[in-house]
Amino acid sequence: MSVSKNGRNPLAGVRLEHLVAGVAGGVASTLILHPLDLLKIRFAVSDGTTSAKPHYTGLTQAMCQIFRHEGIRGLYRGVTPNVWGAGSAWGLYFLFYNTIKSWFQSGNSKVNIGPGLHMVAAAEAGVLTLVMTNPIWVVKTRLCLQYSDGATGKVLQESHRYNGMVDAFVKTYKYEGVRGLYKGFVPGIFGVSHGALQFMAYEEMKTKYNKYRNLPIDAKLTTAEYLAFASLSKLFAAVTTYPYQVLRARMQDQHAHYDNLRHCVRETWRYEGIVGFYRGMSPYLVHVMPNICLVFLIYETVAGSS
């Protein structure tokens, strides 16, 4: 779709190649790195107070224990909704973000809108994407947390025993309604700041680098340059906003019961202190750095060739 001359029509900047590129990046990175994402979630909800959950002492021990009790299939629990979630989330996010950014630029990609509007565009894209994908993330989290009976010695309740993605959707809605499919939505809204900070940092680094080279701000970069800016921006956003991911995972955990976000924060602080808000940080960083590099590299390659 072409951009209108005045650039004020929000739909004028819609380009489906951004959707396709985002989906491609999200799906590819998820298929390769899902086991690390599963470990991040299991560490995040491991508060030491629930016997229904296995306890892990480190990444290697966790990987071996899951493989021993659940086999290779255990390392890929939740991969189907994760692929759907990551593909749709990245596709929609890049589509919304670039459409909003194009509107701010009045259709001229060489206009520098600055860090403030980059953050606004990323935040708006994040909220729109979260509204559409939160149910998928709930199902993904719950499937990742469906331990085999041998791992815990406990037999799961029927309402928490899922036979796949569709069954998890049906049972979550049946026993908990729409509210169950939107558990973790509030900390997810806070998590929009993660994407906003990441995209602001990514865009600003590219802009300043191209200005330094006396090139237009939308000039193409090399593979190594894209990877460097993607990893640095992700590291900055991850360290700044990680606690929301712990809170989100715990509120979506079928083995835990929190009245609301405030209750989850209070209980985490009460039993674990500040360390509790950074549970799973190590597997998260091990997972997210190659993940974001793959997503952005595939996105820039596909979008740039369209």
Protein backbone atom coordinates (compact mmCIF):
# COMPACT_ATOMS: atom_id res chain seq x y z
CA MET A 1 0.00 0.00 0.00
CA SER A 2 1.44 3.37 -0.94
CA VAL A 3 1.92 6.17 1.56
CA SER A 4 -0.33 9.18 1.20
CA LYS A 5 1.33 12.53 0.50
CA ASN A 6 0.25 14.16 3.74
CA GLY A 7 1.10 11.00 5.69
CA ARG A 8 -1.76 11.49 8.16
CA ASN A 9 -3.75 8.38 7.28
CA PRO A 10 -2.59 5.70 9.79
CA LEU A 11 -3.28 2.95 7.23
CA ALA A 12 -1.22 4.62 4.51
CA GLY A 13 2.04 3.22 5.86
CA VAL A 14 0.86 -0.40 6.07
CA ARG A 15 3.32 -2.68 4.29
CA LEU A 16 2.66 -6.41 4.56
CA GLU A 17 6.34 -7.24 4.05
CA HIS A 18 6.89 -6.10 7.65
CA LEU A 19 4.30 -8.66 8.80
CA VAL A 20 5.87 -11.44 6.70
CA ALA A 21 9.40 -10.55 7.84
CA GLY A 22 8.38 -10.48 11.50
CA VAL A 23 6.58 -13.82 11.27
CA ALA A 24 9.58 -15.42 9.55
CA GLY A 25 11.99 -14.16 12.21
CA GLY A 26 9.77 -15.16 15.11
CA VAL A 27 9.05 -18.68 13.86
CA ALA A 28 12.66 -19.48 12.93
CA SER A 29 14.13 -18.27 16.22
CA THR A 30 11.47 -20.07 18.27
CA LEU A 31 11.96 -23.45 16.59
CA ILE A 32 15.70 -23.25 17.22
CA LEU A 33 15.72 -21.86 20.76
CA HIS A 34 12.50 -23.10 22.43
CA PRO A 35 14.22 -25.33 25.05
CA LEU A 36 15.97 -22.28 26.50
CA ASP A 37 12.66 -20.41 26.65
CA LEU A 38 11.12 -23.36 28.52
CA LEU A 39 13.98 -23.28 31.05
CA LYS A 40 13.53 -19.53 31.54
CA ILE A 41 9.84 -20.01 32.39
CA ARG A 42 10.46 -22.89 34.78
CA PHE A 43 13.16 -20.98 36.63
CA ALA A 44 10.95 -17.87 36.75
CA VAL A 45 8.13 -19.68 38.61
CA SER A 46 10.42 -21.69 40.90
CA ASP A 47 9.71 -19.92 44.20
CA GLY A 48 10.58 -22.87 46.45
CA THR A 49 7.14 -22.96 48.07
CA THR A 50 5.20 -25.37 45.84
CA SER A 51 5.90 -29.10 45.91
CA ALA A 52 4.09 -29.57 42.59
CA LYS A 53 7.08 -28.05 40.82
CA PRO A 54 10.49 -29.66 40.31
CA HIS A 55 13.47 -27.74 41.64
CA TYR A 56 16.52 -26.96 39.55
CA THR A 57 19.99 -25.89 40.67
CA GLY A 58 21.40 -24.75 37.33
CA LEU A 59 20.94 -24.78 33.57
CA THR A 60 22.80 -28.03 32.94
CA GLN A 61 21.10 -29.86 35.84
CA ALA A 62 17.69 -28.60 34.70
CA MET A 63 18.26 -29.70 31.12
CA CYS A 64 19.38 -33.16 32.25
CA GLN A 65 16.50 -33.57 34.71
CA ILE A 66 13.88 -32.60 32.16
CA PHE A 67 15.40 -34.93 29.57
CA ARG A 68 15.60 -37.78 32.10
CA HIS A 69 11.98 -37.50 33.29
CA GLU A 70 10.26 -36.19 30.14
CA GLY A 71 12.55 -37.02 27.25
CA ILE A 72 13.26 -34.75 24.28
CA ARG A 73 9.54 -34.04 24.10
CA GLY A 74 9.77 -32.43 27.53
CA LEU A 75 12.23 -29.85 26.23
CA TYR A 76 9.69 -28.88 23.57
CA ARG A 77 6.58 -28.63 25.72
CA GLY A 78 4.61 -25.59 24.62
CA VAL A 79 6.49 -25.25 21.33
CA THR A 80 3.29 -25.13 19.21
CA PRO A 81 1.72 -22.09 20.93
CA ASN A 82 5.22 -20.59 21.20
CA VAL A 83 5.64 -20.79 17.43
CA TRP A 84 2.17 -19.36 16.89
CA GLY A 85 2.71 -16.73 19.55
CA ALA A 86 6.19 -15.66 18.46
CA GLY A 87 5.29 -15.65 14.77
CA SER A 88 2.10 -13.65 15.23
CA ALA A 89 3.55 -11.36 17.92
CA TRP A 90 6.68 -10.40 15.95
CA GLY A 91 4.72 -10.10 12.71
CA LEU A 92 2.03 -7.89 14.24
CA TYR A 93 4.57 -5.91 16.25
CA PHE A 94 6.72 -5.03 13.24
CA LEU A 95 3.60 -4.28 11.17
CA PHE A 96 2.10 -1.97 13.81
CA TYR A 97 5.43 -0.37 14.71
CA ASN A 98 6.44 0.48 11.15
CA THR A 99 2.93 1.70 10.30
CA ILE A 100 2.88 4.05 13.30
CA LYS A 101 6.47 5.18 12.66
CA SER A 102 5.65 5.86 9.02
CA TRP A 103 2.69 7.98 10.15
CA PHE A 104 4.97 10.00 12.45
CA GLN A 105 7.39 10.47 9.53
CA SER A 106 4.58 11.54 7.18
CA GLY A 107 5.67 8.75 4.87
CA ASN A 108 9.30 9.88 4.52
CA SER A 109 11.61 7.16 5.89
CA LYS A 110 14.56 9.58 5.94
CA VAL A 111 12.96 11.75 8.63
CA ASN A 112 14.42 11.24 12.11
CA ILE A 113 11.56 11.25 14.62
CA GLY A 114 13.83 11.04 17.67
CA PRO A 115 13.90 8.70 20.71
CA GLY A 116 10.62 9.97 22.20
CA LEU A 117 8.44 9.13 19.20
CA HIS A 118 10.33 5.87 18.63
CA MET A 119 9.30 4.85 22.17
CA VAL A 120 5.70 5.97 21.59
CA ALA A 121 5.47 3.97 18.34
CA ALA A 122 6.96 0.89 20.00
CA ALA A 123 4.69 1.19 23.05
CA GLU A 124 1.52 1.55 20.96
CA ALA A 125 2.56 -1.41 18.81
CA GLY A 126 3.25 -3.44 21.95
CA VAL A 127 -0.17 -2.80 23.48
CA LEU A 128 -2.00 -3.67 20.25
CA THR A 129 0.04 -6.85 19.87
CA LEU A 130 -0.48 -7.92 23.49
CA VAL A 131 -4.26 -7.55 23.24
CA MET A 132 -4.27 -9.92 20.28
CA THR A 133 -1.73 -12.48 21.51
CA ASN A 134 -2.05 -12.73 25.34
CA PRO A 135 -4.25 -15.89 25.21
CA ILE A 136 -1.55 -17.64 23.16
CA TRP A 137 1.10 -16.76 25.77
CA VAL A 138 -1.09 -18.08 28.59
CA VAL A 139 -1.43 -21.43 26.82
CA LYS A 140 2.28 -21.51 25.96
CA THR A 141 3.27 -20.85 29.58
CA ARG A 142 0.92 -23.51 30.92
CA LEU A 143 2.10 -26.15 28.48
CA CYS A 144 5.72 -25.33 29.39
CA LEU A 145 4.75 -25.83 33.05
CA GLN A 146 2.94 -29.15 32.53
CA TYR A 147 5.43 -31.39 34.26
CA SER A 148 5.30 -35.15 33.91
CA ASP A 149 4.13 -37.02 37.03
CA GLY A 150 7.62 -38.52 37.35
CA ALA A 151 9.17 -35.07 37.69
CA THR A 152 7.07 -34.07 40.71
CA GLY A 153 5.42 -37.20 42.12
CA LYS A 154 2.08 -35.38 41.83
CA VAL A 155 -0.86 -36.21 39.56
CA LEU A 156 -2.22 -33.18 37.73
CA GLN A 157 -5.87 -32.22 38.11
CA GLU A 158 -8.00 -32.78 35.02
CA SER A 159 -8.40 -29.03 34.55
CA HIS A 160 -4.61 -28.67 34.41
CA ARG A 161 -3.85 -31.70 32.24
CA TYR A 162 -3.54 -30.55 28.65
CA ASN A 163 -3.29 -32.72 25.55
CA GLY A 164 -2.07 -29.93 23.32
CA MET A 165 -2.59 -26.32 22.34
CA VAL A 166 -6.28 -26.55 21.42
CA ASP A 167 -7.11 -28.60 24.53
CA ALA A 168 -5.31 -26.02 26.68
CA PHE A 169 -7.31 -23.19 25.12
CA VAL A 170 -10.60 -25.07 25.65
CA LYS A 171 -9.90 -26.06 29.26
CA THR A 172 -8.58 -22.65 30.26
CA TYR A 173 -11.71 -21.02 28.87
CA LYS A 174 -13.99 -23.74 30.31
CA TYR A 175 -12.67 -23.53 33.86
CA GLU A 176 -11.56 -19.89 34.03
CA GLY A 177 -13.38 -18.03 31.27
CA VAL A 178 -12.00 -15.12 29.27
CA ARG A 179 -10.28 -13.86 32.40
CA GLY A 180 -8.12 -17.00 32.45
CA LEU A 181 -6.95 -16.35 28.89
CA TYR A 182 -5.86 -12.85 29.90
CA LYS A 183 -3.96 -13.73 33.05
CA GLY A 184 -0.67 -11.86 33.16
CA PHE A 185 -2.08 -9.11 30.95
CA VAL A 186 -1.37 -6.32 33.48
CA PRO A 187 2.35 -7.15 33.92
CA GLY A 188 2.37 -7.65 30.15
CA ILE A 189 1.26 -4.03 29.76
CA PHE A 190 4.17 -3.00 31.97
CA GLY A 191 6.31 -5.18 29.75
CA VAL A 192 5.45 -2.98 26.78
CA SER A 193 8.16 -0.72 28.17
CA HIS A 194 10.63 -3.50 27.32
CA GLY A 195 9.85 -3.35 23.62
CA ALA A 196 9.69 0.44 23.70
CA LEU A 197 13.16 0.73 25.24
CA GLN A 198 14.58 -1.93 22.94
CA PHE A 199 13.26 -0.40 19.72
CA MET A 200 14.18 3.12 20.81
CA ALA A 201 17.76 2.00 21.50
CA TYR A 202 17.93 -0.03 18.25
CA GLU A 203 16.62 2.80 16.08
CA GLU A 204 18.76 5.46 17.76
CA MET A 205 21.94 3.41 17.40
CA LYS A 206 21.24 2.84 13.70
CA THR A 207 20.41 6.51 13.17
CA LYS A 208 23.49 7.86 14.95
CA TYR A 209 25.72 5.31 13.23
CA ASN A 210 24.46 6.29 9.77
CA LYS A 211 24.80 9.98 10.60
CA TYR A 212 28.38 9.29 11.69
CA ARG A 213 28.97 7.71 8.26
CA ASN A 214 27.24 10.69 6.55
CA LEU A 215 24.57 8.38 5.13
CA PRO A 216 20.74 8.62 5.16
CA ILE A 217 19.29 7.31 8.44
CA ASP A 218 17.52 4.47 6.60
CA ALA A 219 20.72 3.25 4.88
CA LYS A 220 21.23 -0.53 4.99
CA LEU A 221 23.81 -1.99 7.38
CA THR A 222 25.98 -5.09 7.25
CA THR A 223 24.96 -8.33 8.95
CA ALA A 224 27.49 -7.80 11.74
CA GLU A 225 26.21 -4.27 12.37
CA TYR A 226 22.57 -5.41 12.57
CA LEU A 227 23.58 -8.17 15.00
CA ALA A 228 25.59 -5.78 17.18
CA PHE A 229 22.80 -3.20 17.46
CA ALA A 230 20.12 -5.86 18.02
CA SER A 231 22.07 -7.55 20.84
CA LEU A 232 23.05 -4.30 22.58
CA SER A 233 19.50 -2.91 22.47
CA LYS A 234 18.08 -6.20 23.79
CA LEU A 235 20.59 -6.38 26.63
CA PHE A 236 19.72 -2.83 27.67
CA ALA A 237 15.97 -3.52 27.66
CA ALA A 238 16.29 -6.94 29.30
CA VAL A 239 18.29 -5.81 32.32
CA THR A 240 15.99 -2.81 32.78
CA THR A 241 12.60 -4.56 32.62
CA TYR A 242 13.11 -8.29 33.39
CA PRO A 243 11.02 -8.45 36.63
CA TYR A 244 7.76 -8.07 34.72
CA GLN A 245 8.43 -11.38 32.95
CA VAL A 246 8.76 -13.19 36.28
CA LEU A 247 5.50 -11.68 37.53
CA ARG A 248 3.73 -12.46 34.27
CA ALA A 249 4.86 -16.11 34.25
CA ARG A 250 3.87 -16.58 37.90
CA MET A 251 0.39 -15.16 37.37
CA GLN A 252 -0.10 -17.47 34.36
CA ASP A 253 1.19 -20.53 36.26
CA GLN A 254 -1.63 -23.05 36.83
CA HIS A 255 0.11 -24.32 39.99
CA ALA A 256 0.12 -20.93 41.73
CA HIS A 257 -2.74 -18.77 42.99
CA TYR A 258 -2.43 -14.99 43.17
CA ASP A 259 -5.36 -12.63 43.68
CA ASN A 260 -3.85 -9.90 41.53
CA LEU A 261 -0.55 -8.34 40.49
CA ARG A 262 -0.08 -6.63 43.86
CA HIS A 263 -0.47 -9.95 45.66
CA CYS A 264 2.09 -11.57 43.34
CA VAL A 265 4.59 -8.76 43.96
CA ARG A 266 4.04 -8.93 47.73
CA GLU A 267 4.45 -12.71 47.94
CA THR A 268 7.54 -12.72 45.72
CA TRP A 269 9.17 -10.02 47.84
CA ARG A 270 8.12 -11.69 51.10
CA TYR A 271 9.63 -15.10 50.35
CA GLU A 272 12.50 -14.27 48.00
CA GLY A 273 13.37 -10.60 48.17
CA ILE A 274 14.83 -8.78 45.18
CA VAL A 275 16.40 -12.02 43.91
CA GLY A 276 12.92 -13.44 43.26
CA PHE A 277 12.21 -10.79 40.63
CA TYR A 278 15.23 -11.94 38.62
CA ARG A 279 14.58 -15.71 38.68
CA GLY A 280 15.47 -17.25 35.33
CA MET A 281 17.63 -14.31 34.24
CA SER A 282 20.54 -16.56 33.20
CA PRO A 283 18.57 -18.87 30.85
CA TYR A 284 16.68 -15.80 29.67
CA LEU A 285 19.85 -14.04 28.53
CA VAL A 286 21.26 -17.25 27.03
CA HIS A 287 17.99 -17.64 25.11
CA VAL A 288 17.17 -14.06 24.23
CA MET A 289 20.48 -12.84 22.83
CA PRO A 290 20.70 -15.32 19.92
CA ASN A 291 16.90 -15.13 19.61
CA ILE A 292 16.78 -11.39 19.06
CA CYS A 293 19.76 -11.52 16.72
CA LEU A 294 17.99 -14.13 14.57
CA VAL A 295 14.68 -12.22 14.59
CA PHE A 296 16.18 -8.87 13.63
CA LEU A 297 18.58 -10.32 11.06
CA ILE A 298 15.82 -12.29 9.32
CA TYR A 299 13.45 -9.32 9.58
CA GLU A 300 15.94 -6.83 8.09
CA THR A 301 16.86 -9.32 5.35
CA VAL A 302 13.27 -10.15 4.35
CA ALA A 303 11.93 -6.60 4.71
CA GLY A 304 14.95 -5.15 2.89
CA SER A 305 14.56 -7.49 -0.06
CA SER A 306 10.82 -6.84 -0.46
